[in-house]
């Protein structure tokens, strides 16, 4: 099997998102639909964002420092003007994604087009989502 070299890119689903880390995320999965509400650590203009991922093919949540991506991660996009310690940008897309490739092989019958590996990073939880459609995102003010 060929090793995939993954790139971590800033995912900016809304223009002008605050340059702040997320403190927490609430994940809800009901009837095949996945939604998340991520809340900022400080008090920027918005309290957080709400993300409707629709019906993803797969997702996984890691608590604390159990996410294997954090140990093997090449350079990740950083928050530019963080008043806190250096912090990675809280919304990322991984391209290409070894995890997406494994899910496509494992699940079979899926077309290898349009899938995105999106990541929401907080101070203690990391959410990975295999999204087929562009998520709907709105500010929580």
Protein backbone atom coordinates (compact mmCIF):
# COMPACT_ATOMS: atom_id res chain seq x y z
CA UNK A 1 0.00 0.00 0.00
CA UNK A 2 1.30 3.46 -0.93
CA UNK A 3 1.73 5.86 2.01
CA UNK A 4 -0.31 9.03 1.64
CA UNK A 5 1.34 12.31 2.62
CA UNK A 6 -1.45 14.32 4.18
CA UNK A 7 -1.73 18.10 4.13
CA UNK A 8 -3.57 20.04 6.82
CA UNK A 9 -5.35 23.11 5.49
CA UNK A 10 -7.36 25.86 7.11
CA UNK A 11 -11.04 25.15 6.58
CA UNK A 12 -12.90 28.45 6.59
CA UNK A 13 -16.58 27.69 5.98
CA UNK A 14 -17.53 31.30 6.78
CA UNK A 15 -15.59 34.44 5.87
CA UNK A 16 -13.98 36.34 8.74
CA UNK A 17 -14.12 33.70 11.46
CA UNK A 18 -12.48 34.86 14.71
CA UNK A 19 -8.80 33.98 15.20
CA UNK A 20 -9.52 32.05 18.40
CA UNK A 21 -9.32 28.41 19.49
CA UNK A 22 -12.43 26.44 20.40
CA UNK A 23 -12.85 25.54 24.05
CA UNK A 24 -15.53 22.89 23.58
CA UNK A 25 -17.74 21.15 21.05
CA UNK A 26 -21.13 19.49 21.46
CA UNK A 27 -21.74 16.68 18.96
CA UNK A 28 -25.24 15.42 18.13
CA UNK A 29 -25.97 12.39 15.93
CA UNK A 30 -29.64 11.60 15.31
CA UNK A 31 -31.31 9.69 12.51
CA UNK A 32 -28.10 9.56 10.49
CA UNK A 33 -27.56 13.35 10.67
CA UNK A 34 -24.54 14.88 12.41
CA UNK A 35 -24.42 18.37 13.90
CA UNK A 36 -21.89 20.12 16.11
CA UNK A 37 -21.76 23.35 18.08
CA UNK A 38 -18.23 24.59 18.77
CA UNK A 39 -17.66 27.35 21.33
CA UNK A 40 -14.72 29.77 21.37
CA UNK A 41 -12.31 29.88 24.31
CA UNK A 42 -12.35 33.70 24.67
CA UNK A 43 -15.03 36.25 23.98
CA UNK A 44 -14.61 37.17 20.33
CA UNK A 45 -17.49 38.76 18.41
CA UNK A 46 -19.21 35.34 18.25
CA UNK A 47 -19.74 32.70 20.94
CA UNK A 48 -19.08 29.92 18.46
CA UNK A 49 -20.35 28.22 15.33
CA UNK A 50 -23.02 25.65 14.54
CA UNK A 51 -22.13 23.06 11.88
CA UNK A 52 -24.69 20.83 10.16
CA UNK A 53 -22.75 18.04 8.45
CA UNK A 54 -25.88 16.43 7.03
CA UNK A 55 -25.53 12.65 6.68
CA UNK A 56 -21.80 11.86 6.79
CA UNK A 57 -20.46 8.47 5.76
CA UNK A 58 -18.30 8.28 8.89
CA UNK A 59 -17.16 10.33 11.87
CA UNK A 60 -15.10 9.82 15.00
CA UNK A 61 -14.49 11.76 18.18
CA UNK A 62 -11.29 11.66 20.22
CA UNK A 63 -11.05 12.96 23.77
CA UNK A 64 -8.06 14.60 25.40
CA UNK A 65 -4.86 13.68 23.56
CA UNK A 66 -5.97 10.30 22.18
CA UNK A 67 -6.22 11.47 18.54
CA UNK A 68 -3.45 9.66 16.62
CA UNK A 69 -3.31 12.55 14.09
CA UNK A 70 -1.95 14.85 16.77
CA UNK A 71 1.13 12.68 17.23
CA UNK A 72 2.00 12.31 13.55
CA UNK A 73 0.82 15.68 12.31
CA UNK A 74 3.00 17.62 9.92
CA UNK A 75 2.76 21.42 10.04
CA UNK A 76 -0.79 22.45 10.78
CA UNK A 77 -2.24 25.89 10.08
CA UNK A 78 -1.88 28.07 13.17
CA UNK A 79 -3.97 30.87 14.65
CA UNK A 80 -2.14 34.00 13.59
CA UNK A 81 -2.74 36.40 16.49
CA UNK A 82 -3.55 34.13 19.40
CA UNK A 83 -3.34 35.77 22.82
CA UNK A 84 -3.06 32.27 24.20
CA UNK A 85 -0.26 29.78 23.66
CA UNK A 86 0.44 28.86 20.03
CA UNK A 87 -2.68 27.06 18.85
CA UNK A 88 -3.70 25.28 15.68
CA UNK A 89 -6.54 26.65 13.59
CA UNK A 90 -9.67 24.96 15.02
CA UNK A 91 -11.22 24.01 11.65
CA UNK A 92 -9.13 21.97 9.24
CA UNK A 93 -9.42 19.86 6.13
CA UNK A 94 -7.02 16.99 5.54
CA UNK A 95 -6.10 16.43 1.87
CA UNK A 96 -5.46 13.77 0.76
CA UNK A 97 -6.73 11.68 3.66
CA UNK A 98 -5.54 8.16 4.47
CA UNK A 99 -8.61 7.76 6.70
CA UNK A 100 -10.98 8.56 3.81
CA UNK A 101 -9.19 6.04 1.64
CA UNK A 102 -9.50 3.35 4.35
CA UNK A 103 -13.24 4.06 4.79
CA UNK A 104 -13.85 3.95 1.03
CA UNK A 105 -12.10 0.56 0.79
CA UNK A 106 -13.78 -0.82 3.92
CA UNK A 107 -17.31 0.27 3.07
CA UNK A 108 -17.09 -0.60 -0.63
CA UNK A 109 -19.51 0.64 -3.26
CA UNK A 110 -18.79 4.29 -2.51
CA UNK A 111 -17.73 6.55 -5.34
CA UNK A 112 -14.38 8.18 -4.59
CA UNK A 113 -15.60 11.69 -5.52
CA UNK A 114 -16.32 14.71 -3.42
CA UNK A 115 -15.64 13.31 0.05
CA UNK A 116 -13.94 15.67 2.49
CA UNK A 117 -12.07 14.91 5.71
CA UNK A 118 -13.04 17.81 7.98
CA UNK A 119 -11.71 18.29 11.50
CA UNK A 120 -12.95 20.37 14.45
CA UNK A 121 -10.28 20.83 17.15
CA UNK A 122 -10.97 22.05 20.70
CA UNK A 123 -8.84 22.14 23.82
CA UNK A 124 -9.93 18.60 24.75
CA UNK A 125 -11.88 17.01 21.86
CA UNK A 126 -11.14 16.41 18.19
CA UNK A 127 -13.97 15.58 15.77
CA UNK A 128 -13.18 14.01 12.37
CA UNK A 129 -15.96 13.90 9.75
CA UNK A 130 -16.16 12.25 6.32
CA UNK A 131 -18.52 14.72 4.67
CA UNK A 132 -20.04 14.24 1.23
CA UNK A 133 -21.79 17.58 1.02
CA UNK A 134 -20.58 21.02 2.04
CA UNK A 135 -21.69 21.50 5.67
CA UNK A 136 -24.03 24.35 6.58
CA UNK A 137 -22.35 26.66 9.08
CA UNK A 138 -23.65 29.63 11.06
CA UNK A 139 -22.32 31.85 13.83
CA UNK A 140 -23.63 31.53 17.38
CA UNK A 141 -23.84 35.10 18.66
